[in-house]
Amino acid sequence: QVQLVESGGGLVHPGGSLRLSCVGSGFRFGLRTMSWYRQAPGNERELVAYITTTSETIEYADSVKGRFTISRDNAKKEVYLQMNSLKPEDTAVYYCAAGVQPGILGWGQGTQVTVSL
């Protein structure tokens, strides 16, 4: 059974930073591309970033390039999203996923990120 548990969300001022973490179990973590998605109220869920198995390929949404960094530690079965220079438009529920669409194996429960004064 695939399980993904995110942590690290919260309330931050514009320009601030947060680091999200996600630990996976129930699947062969080191053999899966991992990704982060987000969904703001009234919007569809969108891809933020993904990272392939040995970090050989990393891609970001244009809206977060230069501000967010995705990384992974296969020994710990964890994937991370370092978010810097946060903006109010980054406010959303952030989801960790095993795989990348259309091939998602499972989703985390989500963690709220709120960027506000």
Protein backbone atom coordinates (compact mmCIF):
# COMPACT_ATOMS: atom_id res chain seq x y z
CA GLN A 1 0.00 0.00 0.00
CA VAL A 2 1.48 3.29 -1.13
CA GLN A 3 1.80 5.86 1.64
CA LEU A 4 3.15 9.37 1.31
CA VAL A 5 3.27 11.74 4.26
CA GLU A 6 4.06 15.42 3.77
CA SER A 7 5.22 17.88 6.40
CA GLY A 8 6.61 21.38 6.61
CA GLY A 9 3.73 23.55 5.49
CA GLY A 10 2.59 26.64 7.35
CA LEU A 11 2.08 30.38 7.27
CA VAL A 12 4.90 32.57 5.98
CA HIS A 13 5.26 36.20 4.97
CA PRO A 14 5.93 37.16 1.35
CA GLY A 15 9.61 36.74 0.60
CA GLY A 16 9.98 34.01 3.20
CA SER A 17 10.98 30.37 2.86
CA LEU A 18 9.59 26.95 3.69
CA ARG A 19 10.89 23.44 3.21
CA LEU A 20 8.42 20.66 2.53
CA SER A 21 9.30 17.03 3.16
CA CYS A 22 7.60 13.84 2.05
CA VAL A 23 8.41 10.32 3.19
CA GLY A 24 7.26 7.37 1.11
CA SER A 25 6.56 3.74 1.92
CA GLY A 26 4.85 0.74 0.37
CA PHE A 27 6.64 1.01 -2.96
CA ARG A 28 10.19 0.98 -4.30
CA PHE A 29 10.96 4.64 -3.68
CA GLY A 30 14.33 4.63 -5.44
CA LEU A 31 12.74 3.39 -8.67
CA ARG A 32 10.06 6.10 -8.91
CA THR A 33 10.11 9.59 -10.26
CA MET A 34 8.76 11.81 -7.48
CA SER A 35 6.84 15.04 -7.87
CA TRP A 36 5.19 17.90 -6.06
CA TYR A 37 1.83 19.33 -7.10
CA ARG A 38 -0.26 22.12 -5.66
CA GLN A 39 -3.89 23.14 -5.72
CA ALA A 40 -5.20 26.56 -4.85
CA PRO A 41 -8.91 27.16 -4.09
CA GLY A 42 -10.92 27.17 -7.30
CA ASN A 43 -7.98 25.97 -9.37
CA GLU A 44 -6.98 22.62 -10.81
CA ARG A 45 -4.10 20.70 -9.30
CA GLU A 46 -0.90 21.69 -11.08
CA LEU A 47 2.59 20.23 -11.32
CA VAL A 48 5.20 22.21 -9.41
CA ALA A 49 8.30 20.06 -9.95
CA TYR A 50 9.47 16.51 -10.53
CA ILE A 51 12.71 14.65 -10.04
CA THR A 52 13.71 11.36 -11.62
CA THR A 53 15.10 8.36 -9.77
CA THR A 54 18.74 9.41 -9.46
CA SER A 55 18.05 13.12 -9.84
CA GLU A 56 19.31 13.06 -13.41
CA THR A 57 16.33 15.04 -14.65
CA ILE A 58 14.60 17.83 -12.74
CA GLU A 59 11.86 20.04 -14.13
CA TYR A 60 9.94 22.98 -12.68
CA ALA A 61 6.82 24.89 -13.53
CA ASP A 62 7.71 28.26 -15.02
CA SER A 63 6.03 30.01 -12.10
CA VAL A 64 8.52 28.59 -9.57
CA LYS A 65 11.76 28.40 -11.56
CA GLY A 66 14.63 30.04 -9.73
CA ARG A 67 12.73 30.04 -6.43
CA PHE A 68 11.94 26.39 -5.65
CA THR A 69 14.32 23.43 -5.49
CA ILE A 70 13.28 19.79 -5.50
CA SER A 71 15.62 17.12 -4.15
CA ARG A 72 15.49 13.57 -2.87
CA ASP A 73 17.27 11.16 -0.54
CA ASN A 74 16.63 7.61 -1.69
CA ALA A 75 18.23 6.08 1.40
CA LYS A 76 15.71 7.92 3.59
CA LYS A 77 12.86 7.50 1.05
CA GLU A 78 12.25 11.23 1.21
CA VAL A 79 11.66 13.99 -1.32
CA TYR A 80 11.92 17.68 -0.50
CA LEU A 81 10.75 21.00 -1.86
CA GLN A 82 12.73 24.04 -0.77
CA MET A 83 10.63 27.13 -1.44
CA ASN A 84 12.28 30.55 -1.34
CA SER A 85 11.06 34.05 -2.18
CA LEU A 86 7.50 32.92 -1.57
CA LYS A 87 4.66 34.96 -3.06
CA PRO A 88 0.97 35.16 -2.12
CA GLU A 89 0.16 33.31 -5.35
CA ASP A 90 2.11 30.31 -4.02
CA THR A 91 -0.64 29.80 -1.45
CA ALA A 92 -2.07 26.32 -1.99
CA VAL A 93 -2.27 22.80 -0.67
CA TYR A 94 0.93 21.05 -1.72
CA TYR A 95 0.85 17.34 -2.54
CA CYS A 96 3.65 14.86 -2.85
CA ALA A 97 3.16 12.18 -5.52
CA ALA A 98 4.85 8.94 -6.48
CA GLY A 99 5.27 9.30 -10.21
CA VAL A 100 4.17 12.09 -12.49
CA GLN A 101 0.94 12.39 -14.44
CA PRO A 102 -0.41 10.44 -16.19
CA GLY A 103 1.41 7.74 -14.17
CA ILE A 104 0.71 8.60 -10.52
CA LEU A 105 1.06 5.63 -8.16
CA GLY A 106 -0.24 7.49 -5.13
CA TRP A 107 -0.74 10.88 -3.45
CA GLY A 108 0.01 12.29 -0.05
CA GLN A 109 -2.68 13.90 2.07
CA GLY A 110 -1.42 17.41 1.31
CA THR A 111 0.08 20.19 3.40
CA GLN A 112 -1.20 23.77 3.46
CA VAL A 113 1.14 26.59 2.50
CA THR A 114 -0.15 30.11 3.10
CA VAL A 115 1.83 33.18 2.06
CA SER A 116 0.37 36.30 3.59
CA LEU A 117 1.24 39.44 5.52
